[in-house]
């Protein structure tokens, strides 16, 4: 669930960033996809670290 939460946060943050920079619809989609992937990877690493530390 951490991975999914991070991915959704990344998509929202990426779309907001592109809109703030006055990007077109394609820019918003690309930023959302890239931020979503990056944040999902960060969530995966967070999950792995927490799994190792707590269990």
PDB file of N, CA and C in Angstrom:
ATOM      1  N   UNK A   1       0.820  -1.204   0.000  1.00  0.00           N
ATOM      2  CA  UNK A   1       0.000   0.000   0.000  1.00  0.00           C
ATOM      3  C   UNK A   1       0.862   1.264   0.000  1.00  0.00           C
ATOM      4  N   UNK A   2       2.055   1.153   0.565  1.00  0.00           N
ATOM      5  CA  UNK A   2       2.939   2.310   0.577  1.00  0.00           C
ATOM      6  C   UNK A   2       3.328   2.680  -0.849  1.00  0.00           C
ATOM      7  N   UNK A   3       3.601   1.671  -1.658  1.00  0.00           N
ATOM      8  CA  UNK A   3       4.009   1.920  -3.049  1.00  0.00           C
ATOM      9  C   UNK A   3       2.890   2.641  -3.800  1.00  0.00           C
ATOM     10  N   UNK A   4       1.686   2.164  -3.650  1.00  0.00           N
ATOM     11  CA  UNK A   4       0.554   2.778  -4.338  1.00  0.00           C
ATOM     12  C   UNK A   4       0.330   4.213  -3.873  1.00  0.00           C
ATOM     13  N   UNK A   5       0.454   4.438  -2.588  1.00  0.00           N
ATOM     14  CA  UNK A   5       0.301   5.795  -2.052  1.00  0.00           C
ATOM     15  C   UNK A   5       1.348   6.748  -2.593  1.00  0.00           C
ATOM     16  N   UNK A   6       2.587   6.284  -2.640  1.00  0.00           N
ATOM     17  CA  UNK A   6       3.650   7.112  -3.190  1.00  0.00           C
ATOM     18  C   UNK A   6       3.416   7.382  -4.670  1.00  0.00           C
ATOM     19  N   UNK A   7       2.966   6.363  -5.419  1.00  0.00           N
ATOM     20  CA  UNK A   7       2.723   6.524  -6.858  1.00  0.00           C
ATOM     21  C   UNK A   7       1.627   7.559  -7.105  1.00  0.00           C
ATOM     22  N   UNK A   8       0.545   7.490  -6.349  1.00  0.00           N
ATOM     23  CA  UNK A   8      -0.551   8.457  -6.503  1.00  0.00           C
ATOM     24  C   UNK A   8      -0.069   9.862  -6.144  1.00  0.00           C
ATOM     25  N   UNK A   9       0.705   9.963  -5.076  1.00  0.00           N
ATOM     26  CA  UNK A   9       1.264  11.262  -4.693  1.00  0.00           C
ATOM     27  C   UNK A   9       2.150  11.814  -5.805  1.00  0.00           C
ATOM     28  N   UNK A  10       2.949  10.952  -6.424  1.00  0.00           N
ATOM     29  CA  UNK A  10       3.808  11.382  -7.517  1.00  0.00           C
ATOM     30  C   UNK A  10       3.029  11.865  -8.726  1.00  0.00           C
ATOM     31  N   UNK A  11       1.957  11.144  -9.066  1.00  0.00           N
ATOM     32  CA  UNK A  11       1.130  11.554 -10.208  1.00  0.00           C
ATOM     33  C   UNK A  11       0.508  12.924  -9.949  1.00  0.00           C
ATOM     34  N   UNK A  12      -0.020  13.115  -8.771  1.00  0.00           N
ATOM     35  CA  UNK A  12      -0.641  14.398  -8.434  1.00  0.00           C
ATOM     36  C   UNK A  12       0.399  15.518  -8.432  1.00  0.00           C
ATOM     37  N   UNK A  13       1.543  15.262  -7.837  1.00  0.00           N
ATOM     38  CA  UNK A  13       2.595  16.274  -7.783  1.00  0.00           C
ATOM     39  C   UNK A  13       3.127  16.592  -9.177  1.00  0.00           C
ATOM     40  N   UNK A  14       3.291  15.582 -10.019  1.00  0.00           N
ATOM     41  CA  UNK A  14       3.764  15.798 -11.378  1.00  0.00           C
ATOM     42  C   UNK A  14       2.786  16.600 -12.212  1.00  0.00           C
ATOM     43  N   UNK A  15       1.514  16.269 -12.121  1.00  0.00           N
ATOM     44  CA  UNK A  15       0.499  17.015 -12.869  1.00  0.00           C
ATOM     45  C   UNK A  15       0.431  18.460 -12.386  1.00  0.00           C
ATOM     46  N   UNK A  16       0.513  18.659 -11.095  1.00  0.00           N
ATOM     47  CA  UNK A  16       0.471  20.011 -10.541  1.00  0.00           C
ATOM     48  C   UNK A  16       1.678  20.824 -10.998  1.00  0.00           C
ATOM     49  N   UNK A  17       2.858  20.193 -11.024  1.00  0.00           N
ATOM     50  CA  UNK A  17       4.071  20.872 -11.468  1.00  0.00           C
ATOM     51  C   UNK A  17       3.956  21.306 -12.926  1.00  0.00           C
ATOM     52  N   UNK A  18       3.465  20.415 -13.775  1.00  0.00           N
ATOM     53  CA  UNK A  18       3.333  20.745 -15.200  1.00  0.00           C
ATOM     54  C   UNK A  18       2.309  21.858 -15.415  1.00  0.00           C
ATOM     55  N   UNK A  19       1.209  21.810 -14.685  1.00  0.00           N
ATOM     56  CA  UNK A  19       0.200  22.865 -14.826  1.00  0.00           C
ATOM     57  C   UNK A  19       0.737  24.206 -14.336  1.00  0.00           C
ATOM     58  N   UNK A  20       1.522  24.169 -13.276  1.00  0.00           N
ATOM     59  CA  UNK A  20       2.103  25.398 -12.735  1.00  0.00           C
ATOM     60  C   UNK A  20       3.069  26.026 -13.731  1.00  0.00           C
ATOM     61  N   UNK A  21       3.749  25.177 -14.516  1.00  0.00           N
ATOM     62  CA  UNK A  21       4.675  25.672 -15.539  1.00  0.00           C
ATOM     63  C   UNK A  21       3.976  25.955 -16.864  1.00  0.00           C
ATOM     64  N   UNK A  22       2.658  25.916 -16.853  1.00  0.00           N
ATOM     65  CA  UNK A  22       1.819  26.209 -18.016  1.00  0.00           C
ATOM     66  C   UNK A  22       2.083  25.255 -19.186  1.00  0.00           C
ATOM     67  N   UNK A  23       2.150  23.956 -18.861  1.00  0.00           N
ATOM     68  CA  UNK A  23       2.379  22.946 -19.886  1.00  0.00           C
ATOM     69  C   UNK A  23       1.090  22.542 -20.580  1.00  0.00           C
ATOM     70  N   UNK A  24       1.235  21.950 -21.765  1.00  0.00           N
ATOM     71  CA  UNK A  24       0.077  21.457 -22.501  1.00  0.00           C
ATOM     72  C   UNK A  24      -0.418  20.150 -21.871  1.00  0.00           C
ATOM     73  N   UNK A  25      -1.453  19.599 -22.442  1.00  0.00           N
ATOM     74  CA  UNK A  25      -2.000  18.349 -21.916  1.00  0.00           C
ATOM     75  C   UNK A  25      -0.992  17.212 -21.973  1.00  0.00           C
ATOM     76  N   UNK A  26      -0.208  17.166 -23.044  1.00  0.00           N
ATOM     77  CA  UNK A  26       0.820  16.131 -23.167  1.00  0.00           C
ATOM     78  C   UNK A  26       1.915  16.318 -22.117  1.00  0.00           C
ATOM     79  N   UNK A  27       2.247  17.556 -21.826  1.00  0.00           N
ATOM     80  CA  UNK A  27       3.244  17.832 -20.785  1.00  0.00           C
ATOM     81  C   UNK A  27       2.744  17.354 -19.426  1.00  0.00           C
ATOM     82  N   UNK A  28       1.493  17.636 -19.146  1.00  0.00           N
ATOM     83  CA  UNK A  28       0.904  17.223 -17.863  1.00  0.00           C
ATOM     84  C   UNK A  28       0.928  15.702 -17.754  1.00  0.00           C
ATOM     85  N   UNK A  29       0.562  15.004 -18.824  1.00  0.00           N
ATOM     86  CA  UNK A  29       0.561  13.540 -18.799  1.00  0.00           C
ATOM     87  C   UNK A  29       1.968  12.986 -18.619  1.00  0.00           C
ATOM     88  N   UNK A  30       2.946  13.582 -19.298  1.00  0.00           N
ATOM     89  CA  UNK A  30       4.317  13.089 -19.194  1.00  0.00           C
ATOM     90  C   UNK A  30       4.882  13.331 -17.794  1.00  0.00           C
ATOM     91  N   UNK A  31       4.682  14.515 -17.258  1.00  0.00           N
ATOM     92  CA  UNK A  31       5.154  14.805 -15.909  1.00  0.00           C
ATOM     93  C   UNK A  31       4.489  13.867 -14.900  1.00  0.00           C
ATOM     94  N   UNK A  32       3.189  13.647 -15.050  1.00  0.00           N
ATOM     95  CA  UNK A  32       2.472  12.767 -14.132  1.00  0.00           C
ATOM     96  C   UNK A  32       3.028  11.345 -14.203  1.00  0.00           C
ATOM     97  N   UNK A  33       3.307  10.857 -15.409  1.00  0.00           N
ATOM     98  CA  UNK A  33       3.830   9.498 -15.563  1.00  0.00           C
ATOM     99  C   UNK A  33       5.227   9.369 -14.961  1.00  0.00           C
ATOM    100  N   UNK A  34       6.093  10.324 -15.260  1.00  0.00           N
ATOM    101  CA  UNK A  34       7.472  10.249 -14.761  1.00  0.00           C
ATOM    102  C   UNK A  34       7.513  10.392 -13.245  1.00  0.00           C
ATOM    103  N   UNK A  35       6.793  11.338 -12.709  1.00  0.00           N
ATOM    104  CA  UNK A  35       6.761  11.511 -11.258  1.00  0.00           C
ATOM    105  C   UNK A  35       6.129  10.290 -10.591  1.00  0.00           C
ATOM    106  N   UNK A  36       5.091   9.737 -11.207  1.00  0.00           N
ATOM    107  CA  UNK A  36       4.459   8.547 -10.646  1.00  0.00           C
ATOM    108  C   UNK A  36       5.417   7.373 -10.573  1.00  0.00           C
ATOM    109  N   UNK A  37       6.183   7.146 -11.641  1.00  0.00           N
ATOM    110  CA  UNK A  37       7.161   6.052 -11.642  1.00  0.00           C
ATOM    111  C   UNK A  37       8.254   6.297 -10.607  1.00  0.00           C
ATOM    112  N   UNK A  38       8.766   7.523 -10.567  1.00  0.00           N
ATOM    113  CA  UNK A  38       9.840   7.840  -9.625  1.00  0.00           C
ATOM    114  C   UNK A  38       9.377   7.670  -8.178  1.00  0.00           C
ATOM    115  N   UNK A  39       8.188   8.154  -7.877  1.00  0.00           N
ATOM    116  CA  UNK A  39       7.684   8.037  -6.510  1.00  0.00           C
ATOM    117  C   UNK A  39       7.331   6.582  -6.172  1.00  0.00           C
ATOM    118  N   UNK A  40       6.884   5.808  -7.151  1.00  0.00           N
ATOM    119  CA  UNK A  40       6.616   4.389  -6.910  1.00  0.00           C
ATOM    120  C   UNK A  40       7.909   3.654  -6.562  1.00  0.00           C
ATOM    121  N   UNK A  41       8.996   3.983  -7.249  1.00  0.00           N
ATOM    122  CA  UNK A  41      10.285   3.379  -6.913  1.00  0.00           C
ATOM    123  C   UNK A  41      10.739   3.792  -5.518  1.00  0.00           C
ATOM    124  N   UNK A  42      10.513   5.045  -5.169  1.00  0.00           N
ATOM    125  CA  UNK A  42      10.833   5.500  -3.820  1.00  0.00           C
ATOM    126  C   UNK A  42       9.982   4.762  -2.782  1.00  0.00           C
ATOM    127  N   UNK A  43       8.719   4.540  -3.102  1.00  0.00           N
ATOM    128  CA  UNK A  43       7.849   3.776  -2.206  1.00  0.00           C
ATOM    129  C   UNK A  43       8.283   2.332  -2.080  1.00  0.00           C
ATOM    130  N   UNK A  44       8.771   1.746  -3.172  1.00  0.00           N
ATOM    131  CA  UNK A  44       9.284   0.374  -3.126  1.00  0.00           C
ATOM    132  C   UNK A  44      10.490   0.289  -2.204  1.00  0.00           C
ATOM    133  N   UNK A  45      11.416   1.230  -2.344  1.00  0.00           N
ATOM    134  CA  UNK A  45      12.587   1.240  -1.466  1.00  0.00           C
ATOM    135  C   UNK A  45      12.185   1.437  -0.005  1.00  0.00           C
ATOM    136  N   UNK A  46      11.226   2.313   0.233  1.00  0.00           N
ATOM    137  CA  UNK A  46      10.743   2.544   1.591  1.00  0.00           C
ATOM    138  C   UNK A  46      10.129   1.267   2.168  1.00  0.00           C
ATOM    139  N   UNK A  47       9.351   0.569   1.360  1.00  0.00           N
ATOM    140  CA  UNK A  47       8.736  -0.678   1.802  1.00  0.00           C
ATOM    141  C   UNK A  47       9.791  -1.725   2.136  1.00  0.00           C
ATOM    142  N   UNK A  48      10.796  -1.841   1.288  1.00  0.00           N
ATOM    143  CA  UNK A  48      11.861  -2.821   1.535  1.00  0.00           C
ATOM    144  C   UNK A  48      12.634  -2.505   2.807  1.00  0.00           C
ATOM    145  N   UNK A  49      12.942  -1.239   3.019  1.00  0.00           N
ATOM    146  CA  UNK A  49      13.672  -0.848   4.230  1.00  0.00           C
ATOM    147  C   UNK A  49      12.829  -1.119   5.465  1.00  0.00           C
ATOM    148  N   UNK A  50      11.561  -0.750   5.415  1.00  0.00           N
ATOM    149  CA  UNK A  50      10.692  -0.992   6.574  1.00  0.00           C
ATOM    150  C   UNK A  50      10.518  -2.482   6.840  1.00  0.00           C
ATOM    151  N   UNK A  51      10.440  -3.272   5.790  1.00  0.00           N
ATOM    152  CA  UNK A  51      10.309  -4.716   5.963  1.00  0.00           C
ATOM    153  C   UNK A  51      11.548  -5.304   6.635  1.00  0.00           C
ATOM    154  N   UNK A  52      12.716  -4.843   6.229  1.00  0.00           N
ATOM    155  CA  UNK A  52      13.955  -5.342   6.809  1.00  0.00           C
ATOM    156  C   UNK A  52      14.117  -4.890   8.263  1.00  0.00           C
ATOM    157  N   UNK A  53      13.719  -3.674   8.546  1.00  0.00           N
ATOM    158  CA  UNK A  53      13.918  -3.130   9.894  1.00  0.00           C
ATOM    159  C   UNK A  53      12.894  -3.713  10.873  1.00  0.00           C
ATOM    160  N   UNK A  54      11.648  -3.847  10.448  1.00  0.00           N
ATOM    161  CA  UNK A  54      10.600  -4.253  11.373  1.00  0.00           C
ATOM    162  C   UNK A  54      10.468  -5.760  11.519  1.00  0.00           C
ATOM    163  N   UNK A  55      10.910  -6.515  10.517  1.00  0.00           N
ATOM    164  CA  UNK A  55      10.738  -7.970  10.588  1.00  0.00           C
ATOM    165  C   UNK A  55      12.063  -8.612  10.491  1.00  0.00           C
TER     166      UNK A  55
END
